[in-house]
Structure formats: structure tokens, C-alpha cells
Amino acid sequence: MSATGLYGKLPAHGDFIRRNLPADAVAAWDGWAASLLQAGQAELGAQPFARAWDAMPCWCLALPGGACGAAPLCGVMAASRDAVGRRFPLLLAAPVADAAEGWFDALAEAARAA
């Protein structure tokens, strides 16, 4: 597995931070996360969404190549915010070898066949 990178917001920073993630993964994640925040606020309302967001657990994720940039990614997503309180998920992830993507595909096939 490659070095772990990050993208998102942290309370110690005034805006987005990005380290060690491919640009195409960041662009895809940013678009998806912005849509997530907008839809959540529209569905729940600003205050209920803020409470739900702040209580959200970390989510483990495995994304196939093409879902969030060209390379498959494994990592975690956590609810976070920047220094002035703007909410945005923090992604900690690493690209995984192509062989790992085949492993996920094989597990998915096995699960569907069970």
C-alpha cells in the first residue's frame, strides 16, 4: 500500500488541507462530499444535520478504481470542520495495489454467490 494521504478540513487549519493524495481522487472526493453536505442539510435542516454530523462515527471505506479517481483507495472518513467551524469530511486514505482491487472484486462475487 502507498503512503497514506489526507484531504478535508481540520480544526487547526483555516481551510482545506491536502497531503499525498492524487489530484483526481481529491477532485472526485470534493465533489461527492460537497453534494453529501448539501443533501444532508436540505433533508434534515441545518441544526439537525449539524448534530448528526458531529455525532457521526468514522467510516472505513474501500473504493474501486474509477469511483474516486483512477486508483483504488482504502481509508477512513471522519466528520470534521475547519478553524471557523465549516463542516467537511476528513479523508485519510491510500491508493492500493491493483491486486487488492481484484481481491475486493473476488470477495464481492463470493458474497453474491453465497
PDB file of N, CA and C in Angstrom:
ATOM      1  N   MET A   1       0.850  -1.175   0.000  1.00  0.00           N
ATOM      2  CA  MET A   1       0.000   0.000   0.000  1.00  0.00           C
ATOM      3  C   MET A   1       0.892   1.234   0.000  1.00  0.00           C
ATOM      4  N   SER A   2       0.458   2.261  -0.696  1.00  0.00           N
ATOM      5  CA  SER A   2       1.201   3.520  -0.763  1.00  0.00           C
ATOM      6  C   SER A   2       1.088   4.287   0.548  1.00  0.00           C
ATOM      7  N   ALA A   3       1.834   5.373   0.638  1.00  0.00           N
ATOM      8  CA  ALA A   3       1.762   6.231   1.823  1.00  0.00           C
ATOM      9  C   ALA A   3       0.347   6.787   1.979  1.00  0.00           C
ATOM     10  N   THR A   4      -0.077   6.936   3.209  1.00  0.00           N
ATOM     11  CA  THR A   4      -1.405   7.463   3.494  1.00  0.00           C
ATOM     12  C   THR A   4      -1.434   8.966   3.260  1.00  0.00           C
ATOM     13  N   GLY A   5      -2.513   9.419   2.647  1.00  0.00           N
ATOM     14  CA  GLY A   5      -2.712  10.840   2.405  1.00  0.00           C
ATOM     15  C   GLY A   5      -3.960  11.320   3.114  1.00  0.00           C
ATOM     16  N   LEU A   6      -4.203  12.617   3.014  1.00  0.00           N
ATOM     17  CA  LEU A   6      -5.409  13.172   3.617  1.00  0.00           C
ATOM     18  C   LEU A   6      -5.933  14.328   2.787  1.00  0.00           C
ATOM     19  N   TYR A   7      -7.248  14.530   2.923  1.00  0.00           N
ATOM     20  CA  TYR A   7      -7.899  15.674   2.299  1.00  0.00           C
ATOM     21  C   TYR A   7      -9.126  16.008   3.126  1.00  0.00           C
ATOM     22  N   GLY A   8      -9.337  17.275   3.352  1.00  0.00           N
ATOM     23  CA  GLY A   8     -10.524  17.723   4.061  1.00  0.00           C
ATOM     24  C   GLY A   8     -10.222  18.920   4.931  1.00  0.00           C
ATOM     25  N   LYS A   9     -10.920  18.974   6.050  1.00  0.00           N
ATOM     26  CA  LYS A   9     -10.765  20.097   6.973  1.00  0.00           C
ATOM     27  C   LYS A   9     -10.407  19.575   8.359  1.00  0.00           C
ATOM     28  N   LEU A  10      -9.594  20.361   9.044  1.00  0.00           N
ATOM     29  CA  LEU A  10      -9.204  20.081  10.424  1.00  0.00           C
ATOM     30  C   LEU A  10      -9.368  21.355  11.244  1.00  0.00           C
ATOM     31  N   PRO A  11      -9.759  21.238  12.510  1.00  0.00           N
ATOM     32  CA  PRO A  11      -9.948  22.426  13.336  1.00  0.00           C
ATOM     33  C   PRO A  11      -8.712  23.314  13.454  1.00  0.00           C
ATOM     34  N   ALA A  12      -7.536  22.773  13.281  1.00  0.00           N
ATOM     35  CA  ALA A  12      -6.306  23.564  13.399  1.00  0.00           C
ATOM     36  C   ALA A  12      -5.982  24.355  12.132  1.00  0.00           C
ATOM     37  N   HIS A  13      -6.767  24.180  11.074  1.00  0.00           N
ATOM     38  CA  HIS A  13      -6.496  24.860   9.800  1.00  0.00           C
ATOM     39  C   HIS A  13      -7.694  25.703   9.380  1.00  0.00           C
ATOM     40  N   GLY A  14      -7.413  26.776   8.675  1.00  0.00           N
ATOM     41  CA  GLY A  14      -8.460  27.690   8.251  1.00  0.00           C
ATOM     42  C   GLY A  14      -9.241  27.238   7.039  1.00  0.00           C
ATOM     43  N   ASP A  15      -8.725  26.290   6.293  1.00  0.00           N
ATOM     44  CA  ASP A  15      -9.424  25.837   5.094  1.00  0.00           C
ATOM     45  C   ASP A  15      -8.978  24.418   4.767  1.00  0.00           C
ATOM     46  N   PHE A  16      -9.236  23.991   3.560  1.00  0.00           N
ATOM     47  CA  PHE A  16      -8.912  22.625   3.144  1.00  0.00           C
ATOM     48  C   PHE A  16      -7.421  22.341   3.258  1.00  0.00           C
ATOM     49  N   ILE A  17      -7.115  21.101   3.601  1.00  0.00           N
ATOM     50  CA  ILE A  17      -5.732  20.637   3.559  1.00  0.00           C
ATOM     51  C   ILE A  17      -5.684  19.396   2.670  1.00  0.00           C
ATOM     52  N   ARG A  18      -4.587  19.262   1.970  1.00  0.00           N
ATOM     53  CA  ARG A  18      -4.388  18.104   1.092  1.00  0.00           C
ATOM     54  C   ARG A  18      -2.937  17.674   1.209  1.00  0.00           C
ATOM     55  N   ARG A  19      -2.753  16.392   1.455  1.00  0.00           N
ATOM     56  CA  ARG A  19      -1.410  15.825   1.521  1.00  0.00           C
ATOM     57  C   ARG A  19      -1.428  14.435   0.909  1.00  0.00           C
ATOM     58  N   ASN A  20      -0.581  14.213  -0.066  1.00  0.00           N
ATOM     59  CA  ASN A  20      -0.243  12.871  -0.527  1.00  0.00           C
ATOM     60  C   ASN A  20      -1.400  12.063  -1.117  1.00  0.00           C
ATOM     61  N   LEU A  21      -2.391  12.727  -1.712  1.00  0.00           N
ATOM     62  CA  LEU A  21      -3.448  12.029  -2.442  1.00  0.00           C
ATOM     63  C   LEU A  21      -3.446  12.509  -3.885  1.00  0.00           C
ATOM     64  N   PRO A  22      -3.745  11.619  -4.841  1.00  0.00           N
ATOM     65  CA  PRO A  22      -3.774  12.024  -6.245  1.00  0.00           C
ATOM     66  C   PRO A  22      -4.828  13.108  -6.501  1.00  0.00           C
ATOM     67  N   ALA A  23      -4.512  14.022  -7.408  1.00  0.00           N
ATOM     68  CA  ALA A  23      -5.417  15.134  -7.718  1.00  0.00           C
ATOM     69  C   ALA A  23      -6.783  14.639  -8.180  1.00  0.00           C
ATOM     70  N   ASP A  24      -6.826  13.561  -8.979  1.00  0.00           N
ATOM     71  CA  ASP A  24      -8.125  13.080  -9.458  1.00  0.00           C
ATOM     72  C   ASP A  24      -8.970  12.513  -8.315  1.00  0.00           C
ATOM     73  N   ALA A  25      -8.330  11.911  -7.324  1.00  0.00           N
ATOM     74  CA  ALA A  25      -9.063  11.409  -6.162  1.00  0.00           C
ATOM     75  C   ALA A  25      -9.622  12.567  -5.341  1.00  0.00           C
ATOM     76  N   VAL A  26      -8.833  13.609  -5.162  1.00  0.00           N
ATOM     77  CA  VAL A  26      -9.278  14.781  -4.403  1.00  0.00           C
ATOM     78  C   VAL A  26     -10.450  15.459  -5.108  1.00  0.00           C
ATOM     79  N   ALA A  27     -10.366  15.622  -6.420  1.00  0.00           N
ATOM     80  CA  ALA A  27     -11.449  16.269  -7.171  1.00  0.00           C
ATOM     81  C   ALA A  27     -12.748  15.478  -7.042  1.00  0.00           C
ATOM     82  N   ALA A  28     -12.667  14.165  -7.185  1.00  0.00           N
ATOM     83  CA  ALA A  28     -13.865  13.333  -7.078  1.00  0.00           C
ATOM     84  C   ALA A  28     -14.428  13.361  -5.658  1.00  0.00           C
ATOM     85  N   TRP A  29     -13.557  13.241  -4.666  1.00  0.00           N
ATOM     86  CA  TRP A  29     -13.990  13.256  -3.266  1.00  0.00           C
ATOM     87  C   TRP A  29     -14.630  14.597  -2.919  1.00  0.00           C
ATOM     88  N   ASP A  30     -14.020  15.678  -3.349  1.00  0.00           N
ATOM     89  CA  ASP A  30     -14.524  17.012  -3.048  1.00  0.00           C
ATOM     90  C   ASP A  30     -15.942  17.192  -3.592  1.00  0.00           C
ATOM     91  N   GLY A  31     -16.165  16.776  -4.833  1.00  0.00           N
ATOM     92  CA  GLY A  31     -17.500  16.899  -5.421  1.00  0.00           C
ATOM     93  C   GLY A  31     -18.527  16.061  -4.686  1.00  0.00           C
ATOM     94  N   TRP A  32     -18.158  14.822  -4.370  1.00  0.00           N
ATOM     95  CA  TRP A  32     -19.078  13.942  -3.658  1.00  0.00           C
ATOM     96  C   TRP A  32     -19.385  14.489  -2.267  1.00  0.00           C
ATOM     97  N   ALA A  33     -18.366  14.923  -1.545  1.00  0.00           N
ATOM     98  CA  ALA A  33     -18.555  15.409  -0.177  1.00  0.00           C
ATOM     99  C   ALA A  33     -19.400  16.680  -0.147  1.00  0.00           C
ATOM    100  N   ALA A  34     -19.174  17.582  -1.093  1.00  0.00           N
ATOM    101  CA  ALA A  34     -19.983  18.804  -1.155  1.00  0.00           C
ATOM    102  C   ALA A  34     -21.452  18.453  -1.387  1.00  0.00           C
ATOM    103  N   SER A  35     -21.707  17.478  -2.264  1.00  0.00           N
ATOM    104  CA  SER A  35     -23.082  17.031  -2.512  1.00  0.00           C
ATOM    105  C   SER A  35     -23.685  16.399  -1.266  1.00  0.00           C
ATOM    106  N   LEU A  36     -22.886  15.616  -0.552  1.00  0.00           N
ATOM    107  CA  LEU A  36     -23.335  14.981   0.683  1.00  0.00           C
ATOM    108  C   LEU A  36     -23.777  16.028   1.701  1.00  0.00           C
ATOM    109  N   LEU A  37     -22.961  17.036   1.912  1.00  0.00           N
ATOM    110  CA  LEU A  37     -23.289  18.085   2.879  1.00  0.00           C
ATOM    111  C   LEU A  37     -24.547  18.838   2.470  1.00  0.00           C
ATOM    112  N   GLN A  38     -24.637  19.184   1.204  1.00  0.00           N
ATOM    113  CA  GLN A  38     -25.802  19.927   0.709  1.00  0.00           C
ATOM    114  C   GLN A  38     -27.077  19.101   0.856  1.00  0.00           C
ATOM    115  N   ALA A  39     -27.037  17.834   0.460  1.00  0.00           N
ATOM    116  CA  ALA A  39     -28.219  16.977   0.551  1.00  0.00           C
ATOM    117  C   ALA A  39     -28.619  16.735   2.007  1.00  0.00           C
ATOM    118  N   GLY A  40     -27.643  16.525   2.877  1.00  0.00           N
ATOM    119  CA  GLY A  40     -27.940  16.298   4.285  1.00  0.00           C
ATOM    120  C   GLY A  40     -28.613  17.493   4.933  1.00  0.00           C
ATOM    121  N   GLN A  41     -28.120  18.681   4.632  1.00  0.00           N
ATOM    122  CA  GLN A  41     -28.717  19.890   5.194  1.00  0.00           C
ATOM    123  C   GLN A  41     -30.112  20.123   4.635  1.00  0.00           C
ATOM    124  N   ALA A  42     -30.305  19.843   3.340  1.00  0.00           N
ATOM    125  CA  ALA A  42     -31.623  20.019   2.726  1.00  0.00           C
ATOM    126  C   ALA A  42     -32.633  19.022   3.301  1.00  0.00           C
ATOM    127  N   GLU A  43     -32.202  17.799   3.533  1.00  0.00           N
ATOM    128  CA  GLU A  43     -33.096  16.748   4.024  1.00  0.00           C
ATOM    129  C   GLU A  43     -33.445  16.927   5.499  1.00  0.00           C
ATOM    130  N   LEU A  44     -32.453  17.254   6.323  1.00  0.00           N
ATOM    131  CA  LEU A  44     -32.657  17.299   7.771  1.00  0.00           C
ATOM    132  C   LEU A  44     -32.898  18.693   8.330  1.00  0.00           C
ATOM    133  N   GLY A  45     -32.421  19.720   7.642  1.00  0.00           N
ATOM    134  CA  GLY A  45     -32.394  21.067   8.189  1.00  0.00           C
ATOM    135  C   GLY A  45     -31.027  21.328   8.799  1.00  0.00           C
ATOM    136  N   ALA A  46     -30.657  22.586   8.893  1.00  0.00           N
ATOM    137  CA  ALA A  46     -29.294  22.947   9.293  1.00  0.00           C
ATOM    138  C   ALA A  46     -28.912  22.424  10.682  1.00  0.00           C
ATOM    139  N   GLN A  47     -29.732  22.675  11.684  1.00  0.00           N
ATOM    140  CA  GLN A  47     -29.364  22.272  13.051  1.00  0.00           C
ATOM    141  C   GLN A  47     -29.404  20.759  13.263  1.00  0.00           C
ATOM    142  N   PRO A  48     -30.463  20.065  12.814  1.00  0.00           N
ATOM    143  CA  PRO A  48     -30.436  18.603  12.957  1.00  0.00           C
ATOM    144  C   PRO A  48     -29.272  17.964  12.197  1.00  0.00           C
ATOM    145  N   PHE A  49     -28.961  18.504  11.022  1.00  0.00           N
ATOM    146  CA  PHE A  49     -27.828  17.967  10.272  1.00  0.00           C
ATOM    147  C   PHE A  49     -26.528  18.184  11.043  1.00  0.00           C
ATOM    148  N   ALA A  50     -26.351  19.373  11.608  1.00  0.00           N
ATOM    149  CA  ALA A  50     -25.127  19.665  12.365  1.00  0.00           C
ATOM    150  C   ALA A  50     -24.970  18.690  13.531  1.00  0.00           C
ATOM    151  N   ARG A  51     -26.059  18.400  14.243  1.00  0.00           N
ATOM    152  CA  ARG A  51     -25.986  17.448  15.364  1.00  0.00           C
ATOM    153  C   ARG A  51     -25.637  16.042  14.866  1.00  0.00           C
ATOM    154  N   ALA A  52     -26.276  15.629  13.776  1.00  0.00           N
ATOM    155  CA  ALA A  52     -25.998  14.299  13.217  1.00  0.00           C
ATOM    156  C   ALA A  52     -24.560  14.215  12.716  1.00  0.00           C
ATOM    157  N   TRP A  53     -24.101  15.265  12.057  1.00  0.00           N
ATOM    158  CA  TRP A  53     -22.730  15.289  11.527  1.00  0.00           C
ATOM    159  C   TRP A  53     -21.714  15.170  12.659  1.00  0.00           C
ATOM    160  N   ASP A  54     -21.920  15.962  13.691  1.00  0.00           N
ATOM    161  CA  ASP A  54     -20.965  15.976  14.801  1.00  0.00           C
ATOM    162  C   ASP A  54     -20.929  14.644  15.555  1.00  0.00           C
ATOM    163  N   ALA A  55     -22.000  13.857  15.477  1.00  0.00           N
ATOM    164  CA  ALA A  55     -22.061  12.563  16.156  1.00  0.00           C
ATOM    165  C   ALA A  55     -21.679  11.397  15.238  1.00  0.00           C
ATOM    166  N   MET A  56     -21.382  11.678  13.985  1.00  0.00           N
ATOM    167  CA  MET A  56     -21.108  10.616  13.015  1.00  0.00           C
ATOM    168  C   MET A  56     -19.831   9.858  13.376  1.00  0.00           C
ATOM    169  N   PRO A  57     -19.879   8.524  13.351  1.00  0.00           N
ATOM    170  CA  PRO A  57     -18.654   7.751  13.595  1.00  0.00           C
ATOM    171  C   PRO A  57     -17.736   7.803  12.376  1.00  0.00           C
ATOM    172  N   CYS A  58     -16.513   7.363  12.546  1.00  0.00           N
ATOM    173  CA  CYS A  58     -15.620   7.193  11.395  1.00  0.00           C
ATOM    174  C   CYS A  58     -16.141   6.035  10.552  1.00  0.00           C
ATOM    175  N   TRP A  59     -16.015   6.173   9.256  1.00  0.00           N
ATOM    176  CA  TRP A  59     -16.424   5.126   8.324  1.00  0.00           C
ATOM    177  C   TRP A  59     -15.192   4.587   7.621  1.00  0.00           C
ATOM    178  N   CYS A  60     -15.035   3.277   7.620  1.00  0.00           N
ATOM    179  CA  CYS A  60     -13.976   2.625   6.843  1.00  0.00           C
ATOM    180  C   CYS A  60     -14.487   2.468   5.416  1.00  0.00           C
ATOM    181  N   LEU A  61     -13.599   2.649   4.456  1.00  0.00           N
ATOM    182  CA  LEU A  61     -14.037   2.556   3.070  1.00  0.00           C
ATOM    183  C   LEU A  61     -12.990   1.900   2.191  1.00  0.00           C
ATOM    184  N   ALA A  62     -13.483   1.262   1.155  1.00  0.00           N
ATOM    185  CA  ALA A  62     -12.651   0.688   0.098  1.00  0.00           C
ATOM    186  C   ALA A  62     -13.339   1.042  -1.208  1.00  0.00           C
ATOM    187  N   LEU A  63     -12.678   1.838  -2.026  1.00  0.00           N
ATOM    188  CA  LEU A  63     -13.266   2.330  -3.266  1.00  0.00           C
ATOM    189  C   LEU A  63     -12.520   1.749  -4.457  1.00  0.00           C
ATOM    190  N   PRO A  64     -13.251   1.167  -5.410  1.00  0.00           N
ATOM    191  CA  PRO A  64     -12.572   0.618  -6.583  1.00  0.00           C
ATOM    192  C   PRO A  64     -12.028   1.730  -7.465  1.00  0.00           C
ATOM    193  N   GLY A  65     -11.067   1.398  -8.294  1.00  0.00           N
ATOM    194  CA  GLY A  65     -10.563   2.355  -9.267  1.00  0.00           C
ATOM    195  C   GLY A  65     -11.706   2.897 -10.104  1.00  0.00           C
ATOM    196  N   GLY A  66     -11.710   4.200 -10.327  1.00  0.00           N
ATOM    197  CA  GLY A  66     -12.771   4.847 -11.079  1.00  0.00           C
ATOM    198  C   GLY A  66     -13.859   5.448 -10.212  1.00  0.00           C
ATOM    199  N   ALA A  67     -13.979   5.015  -8.965  1.00  0.00           N
ATOM    200  CA  ALA A  67     -15.010   5.558  -8.079  1.00  0.00           C
ATOM    201  C   ALA A  67     -14.601   6.900  -7.491  1.00  0.00           C
ATOM    202  N   CYS A  68     -13.316   7.057  -7.252  1.00  0.00           N
ATOM    203  CA  CYS A  68     -12.804   8.290  -6.638  1.00  0.00           C
ATOM    204  C   CYS A  68     -11.398   8.513  -7.184  1.00  0.00           C
ATOM    205  N   GLY A  69     -11.320   8.747  -8.475  1.00  0.00           N
ATOM    206  CA  GLY A  69     -10.036   8.824  -9.149  1.00  0.00           C
ATOM    207  C   GLY A  69      -9.705   7.489  -9.788  1.00  0.00           C
ATOM    208  N   ALA A  70      -8.586   7.438 -10.476  1.00  0.00           N
ATOM    209  CA  ALA A  70      -8.228   6.237 -11.236  1.00  0.00           C
ATOM    210  C   ALA A  70      -7.825   5.060 -10.353  1.00  0.00           C
ATOM    211  N   ALA A  71      -7.127   5.323  -9.259  1.00  0.00           N
ATOM    212  CA  ALA A  71      -6.608   4.243  -8.414  1.00  0.00           C
ATOM    213  C   ALA A  71      -7.637   3.805  -7.380  1.00  0.00           C
ATOM    214  N   PRO A  72      -7.654   2.518  -7.022  1.00  0.00           N
ATOM    215  CA  PRO A  72      -8.468   2.097  -5.887  1.00  0.00           C
ATOM    216  C   PRO A  72      -7.905   2.700  -4.594  1.00  0.00           C
ATOM    217  N   LEU A  73      -8.796   3.045  -3.665  1.00  0.00           N
ATOM    218  CA  LEU A  73      -8.392   3.654  -2.392  1.00  0.00           C
ATOM    219  C   LEU A  73      -8.975   2.880  -1.220  1.00  0.00           C
ATOM    220  N   CYS A  74      -8.242   2.816  -0.136  1.00  0.00           N
ATOM    221  CA  CYS A  74      -8.740   2.309   1.145  1.00  0.00           C
ATOM    222  C   CYS A  74      -8.450   3.369   2.193  1.00  0.00           C
ATOM    223  N   GLY A  75      -9.381   3.542   3.125  1.00  0.00           N
ATOM    224  CA  GLY A  75      -9.137   4.526   4.159  1.00  0.00           C
ATOM    225  C   GLY A  75     -10.316   4.703   5.083  1.00  0.00           C
ATOM    226  N   VAL A  76     -10.361   5.859   5.723  1.00  0.00           N
ATOM    227  CA  VAL A  76     -11.458   6.217   6.616  1.00  0.00           C
ATOM    228  C   VAL A  76     -11.928   7.633   6.311  1.00  0.00           C
ATOM    229  N   MET A  77     -13.208   7.846   6.605  1.00  0.00           N
ATOM    230  CA  MET A  77     -13.809   9.169   6.514  1.00  0.00           C
ATOM    231  C   MET A  77     -14.296   9.534   7.909  1.00  0.00           C
ATOM    232  N   ALA A  78     -13.999  10.748   8.332  1.00  0.00           N
ATOM    233  CA  ALA A  78     -14.444  11.229   9.638  1.00  0.00           C
ATOM    234  C   ALA A  78     -15.103  12.591   9.475  1.00  0.00           C
ATOM    235  N   ALA A  79     -16.130  12.845  10.266  1.00  0.00           N
ATOM    236  CA  ALA A  79     -16.734  14.170  10.299  1.00  0.00           C
ATOM    237  C   ALA A  79     -15.711  15.139  10.875  1.00  0.00           C
ATOM    238  N   SER A  80     -15.577  16.291  10.251  1.00  0.00           N
ATOM    239  CA  SER A  80     -14.622  17.268  10.753  1.00  0.00           C
ATOM    240  C   SER A  80     -15.114  18.662  10.399  1.00  0.00           C
ATOM    241  N   ARG A  81     -14.304  19.632  10.721  1.00  0.00           N
ATOM    242  CA  ARG A  81     -14.600  21.038  10.413  1.00  0.00           C
ATOM    243  C   ARG A  81     -13.298  21.812  10.442  1.00  0.00           C
ATOM    244  N   ASP A  82     -13.320  23.013   9.865  1.00  0.00           N
ATOM    245  CA  ASP A  82     -12.113  23.839   9.873  1.00  0.00           C
ATOM    246  C   ASP A  82     -12.117  24.756  11.091  1.00  0.00           C
ATOM    247  N   ALA A  83     -11.141  25.647  11.151  1.00  0.00           N
ATOM    248  CA  ALA A  83     -10.955  26.510  12.326  1.00  0.00           C
ATOM    249  C   ALA A  83     -12.146  27.420  12.598  1.00  0.00           C
ATOM    250  N   VAL A  84     -12.917  27.757  11.566  1.00  0.00           N
ATOM    251  CA  VAL A  84     -14.078  28.630  11.782  1.00  0.00           C
ATOM    252  C   VAL A  84     -15.384  27.846  11.859  1.00  0.00           C
ATOM    253  N   GLY A  85     -15.304  26.508  11.831  1.00  0.00           N
ATOM    254  CA  GLY A  85     -16.483  25.684  12.054  1.00  0.00           C
ATOM    255  C   GLY A  85     -17.187  25.151  10.822  1.00  0.00           C
ATOM    256  N   ARG A  86     -16.645  25.389   9.631  1.00  0.00           N
ATOM    257  CA  ARG A  86     -17.286  24.867   8.412  1.00  0.00           C
ATOM    258  C   ARG A  86     -17.057  23.365   8.335  1.00  0.00           C
ATOM    259  N   ARG A  87     -18.147  22.626   8.241  1.00  0.00           N
ATOM    260  CA  ARG A  87     -18.075  21.162   8.237  1.00  0.00           C
ATOM    261  C   ARG A  87     -17.651  20.627   6.873  1.00  0.00           C
ATOM    262  N   PHE A  88     -16.875  19.549   6.924  1.00  0.00           N
ATOM    263  CA  PHE A  88     -16.453  18.832   5.716  1.00  0.00           C
ATOM    264  C   PHE A  88     -15.797  17.543   6.185  1.00  0.00           C
ATOM    265  N   PRO A  89     -16.014  16.445   5.461  1.00  0.00           N
ATOM    266  CA  PRO A  89     -15.382  15.199   5.902  1.00  0.00           C
ATOM    267  C   PRO A  89     -13.873  15.219   5.704  1.00  0.00           C
ATOM    268  N   LEU A  90     -13.190  14.582   6.623  1.00  0.00           N
ATOM    269  CA  LEU A  90     -11.751  14.375   6.505  1.00  0.00           C
ATOM    270  C   LEU A  90     -11.541  12.971   5.962  1.00  0.00           C
ATOM    271  N   LEU A  91     -10.825  12.866   4.869  1.00  0.00           N
ATOM    272  CA  LEU A  91     -10.492  11.585   4.259  1.00  0.00           C
ATOM    273  C   LEU A  91      -9.036  11.271   4.552  1.00  0.00           C
ATOM    274  N   LEU A  92      -8.781  10.125   5.158  1.00  0.00           N
ATOM    275  CA  LEU A  92      -7.432   9.583   5.326  1.00  0.00           C
ATOM    276  C   LEU A  92      -7.416   8.305   4.505  1.00  0.00           C
ATOM    277  N   ALA A  93      -6.596   8.257   3.461  1.00  0.00           N
ATOM    278  CA  ALA A  93      -6.651   7.116   2.548  1.00  0.00           C
ATOM    279  C   ALA A  93      -5.323   6.907   1.847  1.00  0.00           C
ATOM    280  N   ALA A  94      -5.207   5.748   1.243  1.00  0.00           N
ATOM    281  CA  ALA A  94      -4.028   5.413   0.449  1.00  0.00           C
ATOM    282  C   ALA A  94      -4.471   4.633  -0.777  1.00  0.00           C
ATOM    283  N   PRO A  95      -3.836   4.903  -1.911  1.00  0.00           N
ATOM    284  CA  PRO A  95      -4.083   4.050  -3.077  1.00  0.00           C
ATOM    285  C   PRO A  95      -3.599   2.635  -2.764  1.00  0.00           C
ATOM    286  N   VAL A  96      -4.329   1.651  -3.241  1.00  0.00           N
ATOM    287  CA  VAL A  96      -3.932   0.259  -3.033  1.00  0.00           C
ATOM    288  C   VAL A  96      -3.508  -0.350  -4.359  1.00  0.00           C
ATOM    289  N   ALA A  97      -2.723  -1.388  -4.280  1.00  0.00           N
ATOM    290  CA  ALA A  97      -2.234  -2.059  -5.484  1.00  0.00           C
ATOM    291  C   ALA A  97      -3.401  -2.627  -6.280  1.00  0.00           C
ATOM    292  N   ASP A  98      -3.216  -2.729  -7.578  1.00  0.00           N
ATOM    293  CA  ASP A  98      -4.257  -3.287  -8.437  1.00  0.00           C
ATOM    294  C   ASP A  98      -4.678  -4.679  -7.982  1.00  0.00           C
ATOM    295  N   ALA A  99      -3.756  -5.436  -7.414  1.00  0.00           N
ATOM    296  CA  ALA A  99      -4.084  -6.779  -6.932  1.00  0.00           C
ATOM    297  C   ALA A  99      -5.144  -6.720  -5.840  1.00  0.00           C
ATOM    298  N   ALA A 100      -5.100  -5.696  -5.001  1.00  0.00           N
ATOM    299  CA  ALA A 100      -6.096  -5.564  -3.937  1.00  0.00           C
ATOM    300  C   ALA A 100      -7.471  -5.317  -4.520  1.00  0.00           C
ATOM    301  N   GLU A 101      -7.543  -4.561  -5.615  1.00  0.00           N
ATOM    302  CA  GLU A 101      -8.839  -4.320  -6.237  1.00  0.00           C
ATOM    303  C   GLU A 101      -9.432  -5.645  -6.709  1.00  0.00           C
ATOM    304  N   GLY A 102      -8.613  -6.516  -7.260  1.00  0.00           N
ATOM    305  CA  GLY A 102      -9.081  -7.832  -7.663  1.00  0.00           C
ATOM    306  C   GLY A 102      -9.574  -8.645  -6.477  1.00  0.00           C
ATOM    307  N   TRP A 103      -8.923  -8.478  -5.331  1.00  0.00           N
ATOM    308  CA  TRP A 103      -9.337  -9.163  -4.113  1.00  0.00           C
ATOM    309  C   TRP A 103     -10.724  -8.708  -3.690  1.00  0.00           C
ATOM    310  N   PHE A 104     -10.980  -7.395  -3.722  1.00  0.00           N
ATOM    311  CA  PHE A 104     -12.308  -6.886  -3.378  1.00  0.00           C
ATOM    312  C   PHE A 104     -13.357  -7.410  -4.348  1.00  0.00           C
ATOM    313  N   ASP A 105     -13.035  -7.431  -5.638  1.00  0.00           N
ATOM    314  CA  ASP A 105     -13.968  -7.956  -6.638  1.00  0.00           C
ATOM    315  C   ASP A 105     -14.287  -9.421  -6.361  1.00  0.00           C
ATOM    316  N   ALA A 106     -13.264 -10.205  -6.030  1.00  0.00           N
ATOM    317  CA  ALA A 106     -13.469 -11.627  -5.746  1.00  0.00           C
ATOM    318  C   ALA A 106     -14.339 -11.824  -4.504  1.00  0.00           C
ATOM    319  N   LEU A 107     -14.119 -11.023  -3.475  1.00  0.00           N
ATOM    320  CA  LEU A 107     -14.950 -11.121  -2.272  1.00  0.00           C
ATOM    321  C   LEU A 107     -16.395 -10.740  -2.569  1.00  0.00           C
ATOM    322  N   ALA A 108     -16.589  -9.710  -3.366  1.00  0.00           N
ATOM    323  CA  ALA A 108     -17.948  -9.296  -3.729  1.00  0.00           C
ATOM    324  C   ALA A 108     -18.657 -10.404  -4.503  1.00  0.00           C
ATOM    325  N   GLU A 109     -17.958 -11.038  -5.429  1.00  0.00           N
ATOM    326  CA  GLU A 109     -18.530 -12.159  -6.185  1.00  0.00           C
ATOM    327  C   GLU A 109     -18.907 -13.293  -5.253  1.00  0.00           C
ATOM    328  N   ALA A 110     -18.013 -13.627  -4.332  1.00  0.00           N
ATOM    329  CA  ALA A 110     -18.284 -14.708  -3.385  1.00  0.00           C
ATOM    330  C   ALA A 110     -19.500 -14.385  -2.520  1.00  0.00           C
ATOM    331  N   ALA A 111     -19.615 -13.146  -2.090  1.00  0.00           N
ATOM    332  CA  ALA A 111     -20.753 -12.744  -1.263  1.00  0.00           C
ATOM    333  C   ALA A 111     -22.058 -12.841  -2.047  1.00  0.00           C
ATOM    334  N   ARG A 112     -22.032 -12.423  -3.300  1.00  0.00           N
ATOM    335  CA  ARG A 112     -23.246 -12.506  -4.121  1.00  0.00           C
ATOM    336  C   ARG A 112     -23.633 -13.954  -4.395  1.00  0.00           C
ATOM    337  N   ALA A 113     -22.643 -14.828  -4.507  1.00  0.00           N
ATOM    338  CA  ALA A 113     -22.903 -16.233  -4.808  1.00  0.00           C
ATOM    339  C   ALA A 113     -23.340 -17.026  -3.573  1.00  0.00           C
ATOM    340  N   ALA A 114     -23.128 -16.481  -2.393  1.00  0.00           N
ATOM    341  CA  ALA A 114     -23.434 -17.216  -1.153  1.00  0.00           C
ATOM    342  C   ALA A 114     -24.933 -17.399  -0.959  1.00  0.00           C
TER     343      ALA A 114
END
